[in-house]
């Protein structure tokens, strides 16, 4: 029974580490809405802090706070990927 549990846990771990193959990576992009720069999750503005899997936080105003406390801000036309890296909105990954 322990062997089956261990194999199942290993397969689940590999699946999680593989990410989401075949799907577009998740990203948070900036837009001007009603004259104000907002961070969008798809077509919806974020309404609370987003905490990514690696601990990076994306604030409502576009500030990215890394685990070490360093901060940067997403500018108009930029996005933050699923790891908190800033990329241009049109970049394909």
PDB file of N, CA and C in Angstrom:
ATOM      1  N   UNK A   1       0.814  -1.187   0.000  1.00  0.00           N
ATOM      2  CA  UNK A   1       0.000   0.000   0.000  1.00  0.00           C
ATOM      3  C   UNK A   1       0.866   1.263   0.000  1.00  0.00           C
ATOM      4  N   UNK A   2       1.973   1.237   0.762  1.00  0.00           N
ATOM      5  CA  UNK A   2       2.875   2.386   0.795  1.00  0.00           C
ATOM      6  C   UNK A   2       3.449   2.655  -0.595  1.00  0.00           C
ATOM      7  N   UNK A   3       3.738   1.590  -1.341  1.00  0.00           N
ATOM      8  CA  UNK A   3       4.310   1.733  -2.674  1.00  0.00           C
ATOM      9  C   UNK A   3       3.325   2.444  -3.602  1.00  0.00           C
ATOM     10  N   UNK A   4       2.078   2.069  -3.542  1.00  0.00           N
ATOM     11  CA  UNK A   4       1.060   2.693  -4.394  1.00  0.00           C
ATOM     12  C   UNK A   4       0.919   4.171  -4.042  1.00  0.00           C
ATOM     13  N   UNK A   5       0.901   4.473  -2.768  1.00  0.00           N
ATOM     14  CA  UNK A   5       0.792   5.857  -2.327  1.00  0.00           C
ATOM     15  C   UNK A   5       2.002   6.661  -2.787  1.00  0.00           C
ATOM     16  N   UNK A   6       3.182   6.090  -2.671  1.00  0.00           N
ATOM     17  CA  UNK A   6       4.409   6.755  -3.086  1.00  0.00           C
ATOM     18  C   UNK A   6       4.411   7.000  -4.591  1.00  0.00           C
ATOM     19  N   UNK A   7       3.991   6.047  -5.370  1.00  0.00           N
ATOM     20  CA  UNK A   7       3.934   6.197  -6.829  1.00  0.00           C
ATOM     21  C   UNK A   7       2.921   7.278  -7.205  1.00  0.00           C
ATOM     22  N   UNK A   8       1.755   7.254  -6.571  1.00  0.00           N
ATOM     23  CA  UNK A   8       0.730   8.263  -6.861  1.00  0.00           C
ATOM     24  C   UNK A   8       1.231   9.661  -6.516  1.00  0.00           C
ATOM     25  N   UNK A   9       1.893   9.804  -5.376  1.00  0.00           N
ATOM     26  CA  UNK A   9       2.425  11.107  -4.966  1.00  0.00           C
ATOM     27  C   UNK A   9       3.503  11.581  -5.940  1.00  0.00           C
ATOM     28  N   UNK A  10       4.346  10.660  -6.408  1.00  0.00           N
ATOM     29  CA  UNK A  10       5.391  11.013  -7.362  1.00  0.00           C
ATOM     30  C   UNK A  10       4.804  11.488  -8.683  1.00  0.00           C
ATOM     31  N   UNK A  11       3.790  10.785  -9.160  1.00  0.00           N
ATOM     32  CA  UNK A  11       3.149  11.176 -10.418  1.00  0.00           C
ATOM     33  C   UNK A  11       2.462  12.532 -10.284  1.00  0.00           C
ATOM     34  N   UNK A  12       1.816  12.774  -9.169  1.00  0.00           N
ATOM     35  CA  UNK A  12       1.176  14.053  -8.937  1.00  0.00           C
ATOM     36  C   UNK A  12       2.214  15.173  -8.899  1.00  0.00           C
ATOM     37  N   UNK A  13       3.344  14.924  -8.255  1.00  0.00           N
ATOM     38  CA  UNK A  13       4.408  15.917  -8.193  1.00  0.00           C
ATOM     39  C   UNK A  13       4.927  16.246  -9.583  1.00  0.00           C
ATOM     40  N   UNK A  14       5.119  15.239 -10.404  1.00  0.00           N
ATOM     41  CA  UNK A  14       5.589  15.476 -11.774  1.00  0.00           C
ATOM     42  C   UNK A  14       4.572  16.276 -12.563  1.00  0.00           C
ATOM     43  N   UNK A  15       3.309  15.987 -12.375  1.00  0.00           N
ATOM     44  CA  UNK A  15       2.259  16.719 -13.071  1.00  0.00           C
ATOM     45  C   UNK A  15       2.259  18.196 -12.656  1.00  0.00           C
ATOM     46  N   UNK A  16       2.405  18.462 -11.372  1.00  0.00           N
ATOM     47  CA  UNK A  16       2.427  19.833 -10.880  1.00  0.00           C
ATOM     48  C   UNK A  16       3.655  20.562 -11.399  1.00  0.00           C
ATOM     49  N   UNK A  17       4.804  19.914 -11.386  1.00  0.00           N
ATOM     50  CA  UNK A  17       6.034  20.539 -11.864  1.00  0.00           C
ATOM     51  C   UNK A  17       6.006  20.805 -13.364  1.00  0.00           C
ATOM     52  N   UNK A  18       5.258  20.018 -14.094  1.00  0.00           N
ATOM     53  CA  UNK A  18       5.193  20.191 -15.549  1.00  0.00           C
ATOM     54  C   UNK A  18       4.417  21.444 -15.922  1.00  0.00           C
ATOM     55  N   UNK A  19       3.667  22.018 -15.006  1.00  0.00           N
ATOM     56  CA  UNK A  19       2.914  23.228 -15.306  1.00  0.00           C
ATOM     57  C   UNK A  19       1.643  22.907 -16.043  1.00  0.00           C
ATOM     58  N   UNK A  20       1.313  23.750 -17.001  1.00  0.00           N
ATOM     59  CA  UNK A  20       0.081  23.567 -17.757  1.00  0.00           C
ATOM     60  C   UNK A  20       0.379  23.475 -19.249  1.00  0.00           C
ATOM     61  N   UNK A  21       0.991  22.381 -19.698  1.00  0.00           N
ATOM     62  CA  UNK A  21       1.336  22.266 -21.103  1.00  0.00           C
ATOM     63  C   UNK A  21       0.108  22.365 -21.988  1.00  0.00           C
ATOM     64  N   UNK A  22       0.282  23.041 -23.113  1.00  0.00           N
ATOM     65  CA  UNK A  22      -0.812  23.195 -24.049  1.00  0.00           C
ATOM     66  C   UNK A  22      -1.702  24.381 -23.738  1.00  0.00           C
ATOM     67  N   UNK A  23      -1.503  25.008 -22.584  1.00  0.00           N
ATOM     68  CA  UNK A  23      -2.294  26.175 -22.215  1.00  0.00           C
ATOM     69  C   UNK A  23      -1.386  27.407 -22.220  1.00  0.00           C
ATOM     70  N   UNK A  24      -1.976  28.554 -22.502  1.00  0.00           N
ATOM     71  CA  UNK A  24      -1.207  29.794 -22.466  1.00  0.00           C
ATOM     72  C   UNK A  24      -0.801  30.084 -21.023  1.00  0.00           C
ATOM     73  N   UNK A  25       0.428  30.577 -20.812  1.00  0.00           N
ATOM     74  CA  UNK A  25       0.837  30.906 -19.452  1.00  0.00           C
ATOM     75  C   UNK A  25      -0.011  32.056 -18.905  1.00  0.00           C
ATOM     76  N   UNK A  26      -0.258  32.033 -17.623  1.00  0.00           N
ATOM     77  CA  UNK A  26      -1.071  33.070 -16.993  1.00  0.00           C
ATOM     78  C   UNK A  26      -0.241  34.328 -16.853  1.00  0.00           C
ATOM     79  N   UNK A  27      -0.842  35.483 -17.118  1.00  0.00           N
ATOM     80  CA  UNK A  27      -0.146  36.740 -16.921  1.00  0.00           C
ATOM     81  C   UNK A  27      -1.131  37.822 -16.511  1.00  0.00           C
ATOM     82  N   UNK A  28      -0.599  38.824 -15.850  1.00  0.00           N
ATOM     83  CA  UNK A  28      -1.370  39.960 -15.360  1.00  0.00           C
ATOM     84  C   UNK A  28      -0.861  41.186 -16.093  1.00  0.00           C
ATOM     85  N   UNK A  29      -1.725  41.860 -16.851  1.00  0.00           N
ATOM     86  CA  UNK A  29      -1.319  42.980 -17.696  1.00  0.00           C
ATOM     87  C   UNK A  29      -1.958  44.276 -17.227  1.00  0.00           C
ATOM     88  N   UNK A  30      -1.321  45.392 -17.584  1.00  0.00           N
ATOM     89  CA  UNK A  30      -1.841  46.697 -17.210  1.00  0.00           C
ATOM     90  C   UNK A  30      -2.671  47.285 -18.339  1.00  0.00           C
ATOM     91  N   UNK A  31      -3.669  48.054 -17.972  1.00  0.00           N
ATOM     92  CA  UNK A  31      -4.531  48.770 -18.917  1.00  0.00           C
ATOM     93  C   UNK A  31      -4.955  50.090 -18.269  1.00  0.00           C
ATOM     94  N   UNK A  32      -5.260  51.057 -19.092  1.00  0.00           N
ATOM     95  CA  UNK A  32      -5.905  52.259 -18.580  1.00  0.00           C
ATOM     96  C   UNK A  32      -7.396  52.026 -18.603  1.00  0.00           C
ATOM     97  N   UNK A  33      -8.031  52.231 -17.480  1.00  0.00           N
ATOM     98  CA  UNK A  33      -9.471  52.072 -17.374  1.00  0.00           C
ATOM     99  C   UNK A  33      -9.999  53.283 -16.610  1.00  0.00           C
ATOM    100  N   UNK A  34     -10.865  54.025 -17.252  1.00  0.00           N
ATOM    101  CA  UNK A  34     -11.410  55.255 -16.665  1.00  0.00           C
ATOM    102  C   UNK A  34     -10.289  56.211 -16.252  1.00  0.00           C
ATOM    103  N   UNK A  35      -9.255  56.301 -17.091  1.00  0.00           N
ATOM    104  CA  UNK A  35      -8.148  57.213 -16.839  1.00  0.00           C
ATOM    105  C   UNK A  35      -7.175  56.763 -15.767  1.00  0.00           C
ATOM    106  N   UNK A  36      -7.302  55.540 -15.304  1.00  0.00           N
ATOM    107  CA  UNK A  36      -6.459  55.024 -14.221  1.00  0.00           C
ATOM    108  C   UNK A  36      -5.784  53.731 -14.674  1.00  0.00           C
ATOM    109  N   UNK A  37      -4.514  53.572 -14.341  1.00  0.00           N
ATOM    110  CA  UNK A  37      -3.795  52.347 -14.676  1.00  0.00           C
ATOM    111  C   UNK A  37      -4.221  51.237 -13.728  1.00  0.00           C
ATOM    112  N   UNK A  38      -4.717  50.127 -14.271  1.00  0.00           N
ATOM    113  CA  UNK A  38      -5.142  48.993 -13.446  1.00  0.00           C
ATOM    114  C   UNK A  38      -4.480  47.722 -13.955  1.00  0.00           C
ATOM    115  N   UNK A  39      -4.346  46.759 -13.072  1.00  0.00           N
ATOM    116  CA  UNK A  39      -3.798  45.453 -13.428  1.00  0.00           C
ATOM    117  C   UNK A  39      -4.974  44.539 -13.743  1.00  0.00           C
ATOM    118  N   UNK A  40      -4.894  43.882 -14.889  1.00  0.00           N
ATOM    119  CA  UNK A  40      -5.981  43.032 -15.353  1.00  0.00           C
ATOM    120  C   UNK A  40      -5.586  41.565 -15.245  1.00  0.00           C
ATOM    121  N   UNK A  41      -6.548  40.749 -14.845  1.00  0.00           N
ATOM    122  CA  UNK A  41      -6.422  39.291 -14.877  1.00  0.00           C
ATOM    123  C   UNK A  41      -7.375  38.860 -15.981  1.00  0.00           C
ATOM    124  N   UNK A  42      -6.834  38.708 -17.183  1.00  0.00           N
ATOM    125  CA  UNK A  42      -7.678  38.476 -18.348  1.00  0.00           C
ATOM    126  C   UNK A  42      -8.398  39.762 -18.675  1.00  0.00           C
ATOM    127  N   UNK A  43      -9.708  39.739 -18.628  1.00  0.00           N
ATOM    128  CA  UNK A  43     -10.510  40.933 -18.923  1.00  0.00           C
ATOM    129  C   UNK A  43     -11.026  41.631 -17.662  1.00  0.00           C
ATOM    130  N   UNK A  44     -10.670  41.101 -16.484  1.00  0.00           N
ATOM    131  CA  UNK A  44     -11.173  41.663 -15.232  1.00  0.00           C
ATOM    132  C   UNK A  44     -10.045  42.324 -14.445  1.00  0.00           C
ATOM    133  N   UNK A  45     -10.296  43.527 -13.908  1.00  0.00           N
ATOM    134  CA  UNK A  45      -9.281  44.142 -13.049  1.00  0.00           C
ATOM    135  C   UNK A  45      -9.136  43.358 -11.747  1.00  0.00           C
ATOM    136  N   UNK A  46      -7.908  43.259 -11.250  1.00  0.00           N
ATOM    137  CA  UNK A  46      -7.727  42.578  -9.967  1.00  0.00           C
ATOM    138  C   UNK A  46      -8.264  43.490  -8.863  1.00  0.00           C
ATOM    139  N   UNK A  47      -8.824  42.907  -7.834  1.00  0.00           N
ATOM    140  CA  UNK A  47      -9.419  43.684  -6.739  1.00  0.00           C
ATOM    141  C   UNK A  47      -8.731  43.436  -5.403  1.00  0.00           C
ATOM    142  N   UNK A  48      -7.727  42.555  -5.421  1.00  0.00           N
ATOM    143  CA  UNK A  48      -6.952  42.294  -4.205  1.00  0.00           C
ATOM    144  C   UNK A  48      -5.560  41.852  -4.616  1.00  0.00           C
ATOM    145  N   UNK A  49      -4.682  41.776  -3.658  1.00  0.00           N
ATOM    146  CA  UNK A  49      -3.306  41.358  -3.908  1.00  0.00           C
ATOM    147  C   UNK A  49      -3.296  39.933  -4.451  1.00  0.00           C
ATOM    148  N   UNK A  50      -2.501  39.701  -5.495  1.00  0.00           N
ATOM    149  CA  UNK A  50      -2.315  38.365  -6.067  1.00  0.00           C
ATOM    150  C   UNK A  50      -1.002  37.817  -5.524  1.00  0.00           C
ATOM    151  N   UNK A  51      -1.028  36.638  -4.937  1.00  0.00           N
ATOM    152  CA  UNK A  51       0.195  35.995  -4.452  1.00  0.00           C
ATOM    153  C   UNK A  51       0.470  34.811  -5.364  1.00  0.00           C
ATOM    154  N   UNK A  52       1.600  34.873  -6.064  1.00  0.00           N
ATOM    155  CA  UNK A  52       1.976  33.821  -7.000  1.00  0.00           C
ATOM    156  C   UNK A  52       2.550  32.621  -6.257  1.00  0.00           C
ATOM    157  N   UNK A  53       2.677  31.515  -6.944  1.00  0.00           N
ATOM    158  CA  UNK A  53       3.155  30.266  -6.334  1.00  0.00           C
ATOM    159  C   UNK A  53       4.532  30.414  -5.698  1.00  0.00           C
ATOM    160  N   UNK A  54       5.380  31.294  -6.254  1.00  0.00           N
ATOM    161  CA  UNK A  54       6.729  31.459  -5.716  1.00  0.00           C
ATOM    162  C   UNK A  54       6.815  32.533  -4.634  1.00  0.00           C
ATOM    163  N   UNK A  55       5.659  33.061  -4.202  1.00  0.00           N
ATOM    164  CA  UNK A  55       5.631  34.045  -3.123  1.00  0.00           C
ATOM    165  C   UNK A  55       5.676  35.493  -3.573  1.00  0.00           C
ATOM    166  N   UNK A  56       5.864  35.740  -4.860  1.00  0.00           N
ATOM    167  CA  UNK A  56       5.849  37.106  -5.386  1.00  0.00           C
ATOM    168  C   UNK A  56       4.424  37.636  -5.290  1.00  0.00           C
ATOM    169  N   UNK A  57       4.294  38.910  -4.895  1.00  0.00           N
ATOM    170  CA  UNK A  57       2.979  39.535  -4.759  1.00  0.00           C
ATOM    171  C   UNK A  57       2.792  40.604  -5.824  1.00  0.00           C
ATOM    172  N   UNK A  58       1.603  40.631  -6.427  1.00  0.00           N
ATOM    173  CA  UNK A  58       1.246  41.673  -7.376  1.00  0.00           C
ATOM    174  C   UNK A  58       0.153  42.507  -6.723  1.00  0.00           C
ATOM    175  N   UNK A  59       0.459  43.789  -6.499  1.00  0.00           N
ATOM    176  CA  UNK A  59      -0.483  44.688  -5.840  1.00  0.00           C
ATOM    177  C   UNK A  59      -1.465  45.265  -6.863  1.00  0.00           C
ATOM    178  N   UNK A  60      -2.559  45.804  -6.374  1.00  0.00           N
ATOM    179  CA  UNK A  60      -3.600  46.372  -7.230  1.00  0.00           C
ATOM    180  C   UNK A  60      -3.047  47.495  -8.105  1.00  0.00           C
ATOM    181  N   UNK A  61      -2.073  48.268  -7.593  1.00  0.00           N
ATOM    182  CA  UNK A  61      -1.518  49.395  -8.349  1.00  0.00           C
ATOM    183  C   UNK A  61      -0.413  48.991  -9.323  1.00  0.00           C
ATOM    184  N   UNK A  62      -0.134  47.680  -9.439  1.00  0.00           N
ATOM    185  CA  UNK A  62       0.887  47.198 -10.367  1.00  0.00           C
ATOM    186  C   UNK A  62       2.259  47.018  -9.755  1.00  0.00           C
ATOM    187  N   UNK A  63       2.392  47.269  -8.474  1.00  0.00           N
ATOM    188  CA  UNK A  63       3.669  47.050  -7.804  1.00  0.00           C
ATOM    189  C   UNK A  63       3.875  45.550  -7.614  1.00  0.00           C
ATOM    190  N   UNK A  64       5.082  45.090  -7.940  1.00  0.00           N
ATOM    191  CA  UNK A  64       5.452  43.690  -7.729  1.00  0.00           C
ATOM    192  C   UNK A  64       6.436  43.657  -6.567  1.00  0.00           C
ATOM    193  N   UNK A  65       6.102  42.864  -5.551  1.00  0.00           N
ATOM    194  CA  UNK A  65       6.960  42.732  -4.381  1.00  0.00           C
ATOM    195  C   UNK A  65       7.517  41.318  -4.369  1.00  0.00           C
ATOM    196  N   UNK A  66       8.832  41.220  -4.469  1.00  0.00           N
ATOM    197  CA  UNK A  66       9.493  39.909  -4.465  1.00  0.00           C
ATOM    198  C   UNK A  66       9.697  39.437  -3.025  1.00  0.00           C
ATOM    199  N   UNK A  67      10.019  38.169  -2.873  1.00  0.00           N
ATOM    200  CA  UNK A  67      10.194  37.585  -1.529  1.00  0.00           C
ATOM    201  C   UNK A  67      11.295  38.283  -0.740  1.00  0.00           C
ATOM    202  N   UNK A  68      12.314  38.822  -1.449  1.00  0.00           N
ATOM    203  CA  UNK A  68      13.405  39.513  -0.752  1.00  0.00           C
ATOM    204  C   UNK A  68      13.038  40.945  -0.376  1.00  0.00           C
ATOM    205  N   UNK A  69      11.811  41.376  -0.716  1.00  0.00           N
ATOM    206  CA  UNK A  69      11.345  42.715  -0.364  1.00  0.00           C
ATOM    207  C   UNK A  69      11.556  43.753  -1.459  1.00  0.00           C
ATOM    208  N   UNK A  70      12.300  43.402  -2.504  1.00  0.00           N
ATOM    209  CA  UNK A  70      12.522  44.363  -3.588  1.00  0.00           C
ATOM    210  C   UNK A  70      11.215  44.598  -4.344  1.00  0.00           C
ATOM    211  N   UNK A  71      11.085  45.817  -4.873  1.00  0.00           N
ATOM    212  CA  UNK A  71       9.843  46.192  -5.551  1.00  0.00           C
ATOM    213  C   UNK A  71      10.137  46.733  -6.944  1.00  0.00           C
ATOM    214  N   UNK A  72       9.194  46.517  -7.830  1.00  0.00           N
ATOM    215  CA  UNK A  72       9.204  47.101  -9.163  1.00  0.00           C
ATOM    216  C   UNK A  72       7.748  47.320  -9.547  1.00  0.00           C
ATOM    217  N   UNK A  73       7.501  48.106 -10.568  1.00  0.00           N
ATOM    218  CA  UNK A  73       6.131  48.402 -10.965  1.00  0.00           C
ATOM    219  C   UNK A  73       5.919  48.067 -12.429  1.00  0.00           C
ATOM    220  N   UNK A  74       4.810  47.423 -12.720  1.00  0.00           N
ATOM    221  CA  UNK A  74       4.430  47.122 -14.099  1.00  0.00           C
ATOM    222  C   UNK A  74       3.988  48.440 -14.739  1.00  0.00           C
ATOM    223  N   UNK A  75       4.545  48.766 -15.889  1.00  0.00           N
ATOM    224  CA  UNK A  75       4.183  49.981 -16.608  1.00  0.00           C
ATOM    225  C   UNK A  75       3.113  49.679 -17.652  1.00  0.00           C
ATOM    226  N   UNK A  76       2.534  50.727 -18.225  1.00  0.00           N
ATOM    227  CA  UNK A  76       1.523  50.546 -19.267  1.00  0.00           C
ATOM    228  C   UNK A  76       2.083  49.689 -20.398  1.00  0.00           C
ATOM    229  N   UNK A  77       1.302  48.694 -20.846  1.00  0.00           N
ATOM    230  CA  UNK A  77       1.717  47.816 -21.933  1.00  0.00           C
ATOM    231  C   UNK A  77       2.609  46.664 -21.503  1.00  0.00           C
ATOM    232  N   UNK A  78       2.818  46.526 -20.216  1.00  0.00           N
ATOM    233  CA  UNK A  78       3.621  45.421 -19.694  1.00  0.00           C
ATOM    234  C   UNK A  78       2.736  44.444 -18.946  1.00  0.00           C
ATOM    235  N   UNK A  79       3.270  43.250 -18.741  1.00  0.00           N
ATOM    236  CA  UNK A  79       2.578  42.205 -17.994  1.00  0.00           C
ATOM    237  C   UNK A  79       3.549  41.581 -17.005  1.00  0.00           C
ATOM    238  N   UNK A  80       3.009  40.912 -16.019  1.00  0.00           N
ATOM    239  CA  UNK A  80       3.792  40.066 -15.118  1.00  0.00           C
ATOM    240  C   UNK A  80       3.376  38.632 -15.415  1.00  0.00           C
ATOM    241  N   UNK A  81       4.368  37.763 -15.641  1.00  0.00           N
ATOM    242  CA  UNK A  81       4.041  36.364 -15.923  1.00  0.00           C
ATOM    243  C   UNK A  81       3.788  35.604 -14.627  1.00  0.00           C
ATOM    244  N   UNK A  82       3.608  34.294 -14.749  1.00  0.00           N
ATOM    245  CA  UNK A  82       3.264  33.476 -13.585  1.00  0.00           C
ATOM    246  C   UNK A  82       4.376  33.399 -12.545  1.00  0.00           C
ATOM    247  N   UNK A  83       5.565  33.926 -12.877  1.00  0.00           N
ATOM    248  CA  UNK A  83       6.675  33.959 -11.921  1.00  0.00           C
ATOM    249  C   UNK A  83       6.962  35.360 -11.407  1.00  0.00           C
ATOM    250  N   UNK A  84       6.191  36.352 -11.893  1.00  0.00           N
ATOM    251  CA  UNK A  84       6.409  37.731 -11.481  1.00  0.00           C
ATOM    252  C   UNK A  84       7.411  38.471 -12.334  1.00  0.00           C
ATOM    253  N   UNK A  85       7.862  37.863 -13.435  1.00  0.00           N
ATOM    254  CA  UNK A  85       8.774  38.545 -14.349  1.00  0.00           C
ATOM    255  C   UNK A  85       7.986  39.494 -15.237  1.00  0.00           C
ATOM    256  N   UNK A  86       8.537  40.687 -15.484  1.00  0.00           N
ATOM    257  CA  UNK A  86       7.852  41.651 -16.330  1.00  0.00           C
ATOM    258  C   UNK A  86       8.180  41.357 -17.791  1.00  0.00           C
ATOM    259  N   UNK A  87       7.135  41.288 -18.597  1.00  0.00           N
ATOM    260  CA  UNK A  87       7.280  41.041 -20.029  1.00  0.00           C
ATOM    261  C   UNK A  87       6.401  42.041 -20.775  1.00  0.00           C
ATOM    262  N   UNK A  88       6.732  42.293 -22.030  1.00  0.00           N
ATOM    263  CA  UNK A  88       5.878  43.138 -22.862  1.00  0.00           C
ATOM    264  C   UNK A  88       4.590  42.385 -23.151  1.00  0.00           C
ATOM    265  N   UNK A  89       3.483  43.096 -23.241  1.00  0.00           N
ATOM    266  CA  UNK A  89       2.182  42.458 -23.379  1.00  0.00           C
ATOM    267  C   UNK A  89       2.090  41.563 -24.605  1.00  0.00           C
ATOM    268  N   UNK A  90       2.692  41.952 -25.718  1.00  0.00           N
ATOM    269  CA  UNK A  90       2.560  41.171 -26.937  1.00  0.00           C
ATOM    270  C   UNK A  90       3.518  39.992 -27.021  1.00  0.00           C
ATOM    271  N   UNK A  91       4.449  39.861 -26.064  1.00  0.00           N
ATOM    272  CA  UNK A  91       5.386  38.734 -26.095  1.00  0.00           C
ATOM    273  C   UNK A  91       4.649  37.420 -25.956  1.00  0.00           C
ATOM    274  N   UNK A  92       5.013  36.473 -26.783  1.00  0.00           N
ATOM    275  CA  UNK A  92       4.461  35.116 -26.686  1.00  0.00           C
ATOM    276  C   UNK A  92       5.488  34.265 -25.975  1.00  0.00           C
ATOM    277  N   UNK A  93       5.023  33.435 -25.046  1.00  0.00           N
ATOM    278  CA  UNK A  93       5.951  32.564 -24.324  1.00  0.00           C
ATOM    279  C   UNK A  93       5.620  31.134 -24.614  1.00  0.00           C
TER     280      UNK A  93
END
